[in-house]
Amino acid sequence: MAESLRHICGISGGKDSSALAVYMRDRVPDMEYFFCDTGAELPETYEYLTRLEVILAKPVVR
């Protein structure tokens, strides 16, 4: 039985991780995205992640 391979990209909410996520979106269709929520993020960060989910056409697991 072959092992299943997962592609996972962490997103911090900054420009670099966002750019990487968008870049990988078109190259690895089964990419999964996650955000490590410290609970101390600004409200704008959560709004941004919601907008990024639309661009990625996938959820960002928090």
Protein backbone atom coordinates (compact mmCIF):
# COMPACT_ATOMS: atom_id res chain seq x y z
CA MET A 1 0.00 0.00 0.00
CA ALA A 2 1.45 3.36 -1.05
CA GLU A 3 1.61 6.21 1.41
CA SER A 4 -0.55 9.18 0.57
CA LEU A 5 1.35 12.39 0.02
CA ARG A 6 0.00 15.69 1.36
CA HIS A 7 1.07 19.16 0.30
CA ILE A 8 0.58 21.68 3.10
CA CYS A 9 1.37 25.41 3.08
CA GLY A 10 1.41 27.53 6.23
CA ILE A 11 0.10 31.07 5.96
CA SER A 12 1.06 33.77 8.43
CA GLY A 13 -1.15 36.48 6.97
CA GLY A 14 1.83 38.37 5.59
CA LYS A 15 2.73 39.16 2.01
CA ASP A 16 5.39 36.48 1.56
CA SER A 17 3.32 33.50 2.71
CA SER A 18 0.31 34.83 0.80
CA ALA A 19 2.34 35.17 -2.40
CA LEU A 20 3.65 31.61 -1.97
CA ALA A 21 0.12 30.30 -1.42
CA VAL A 22 -1.17 31.98 -4.59
CA TYR A 23 1.87 30.77 -6.54
CA MET A 24 1.35 27.20 -5.38
CA ARG A 25 -2.42 27.30 -6.00
CA ASP A 26 -1.90 26.87 -9.74
CA ARG A 27 0.92 24.37 -9.44
CA VAL A 28 -0.33 21.97 -6.76
CA PRO A 29 -4.12 21.62 -7.05
CA ASP A 30 -4.43 19.47 -3.90
CA MET A 31 -2.52 21.97 -1.70
CA GLU A 32 -3.87 22.39 1.82
CA TYR A 33 -3.46 25.69 3.70
CA PHE A 34 -3.27 26.41 7.42
CA PHE A 35 -2.94 29.37 9.76
CA CYS A 36 -1.71 29.07 13.35
CA ASP A 37 -4.08 31.28 15.31
CA THR A 38 -2.53 32.68 18.47
CA GLY A 39 -5.81 34.27 19.50
CA ALA A 40 -4.09 37.66 19.57
CA GLU A 41 -4.39 38.51 15.88
CA LEU A 42 -5.84 41.79 14.71
CA PRO A 43 -9.37 41.63 13.29
CA GLU A 44 -7.90 42.68 9.93
CA THR A 45 -5.85 39.47 9.83
CA TYR A 46 -8.97 37.32 10.03
CA GLU A 47 -10.67 39.45 7.35
CA TYR A 48 -7.60 39.07 5.15
CA LEU A 49 -7.58 35.29 5.57
CA THR A 50 -11.22 35.16 4.53
CA ARG A 51 -10.42 37.14 1.37
CA LEU A 52 -7.43 34.90 0.69
CA GLU A 53 -9.66 31.82 0.89
CA VAL A 54 -11.69 33.25 -2.01
CA ILE A 55 -8.54 33.74 -4.09
CA LEU A 56 -7.26 30.26 -3.25
CA ALA A 57 -10.70 28.69 -3.73
CA LYS A 58 -9.95 26.58 -0.66
CA PRO A 59 -10.34 26.97 3.07
CA VAL A 60 -7.46 28.06 5.28
CA VAL A 61 -7.61 25.79 8.31
CA ARG A 62 -7.27 27.80 11.50
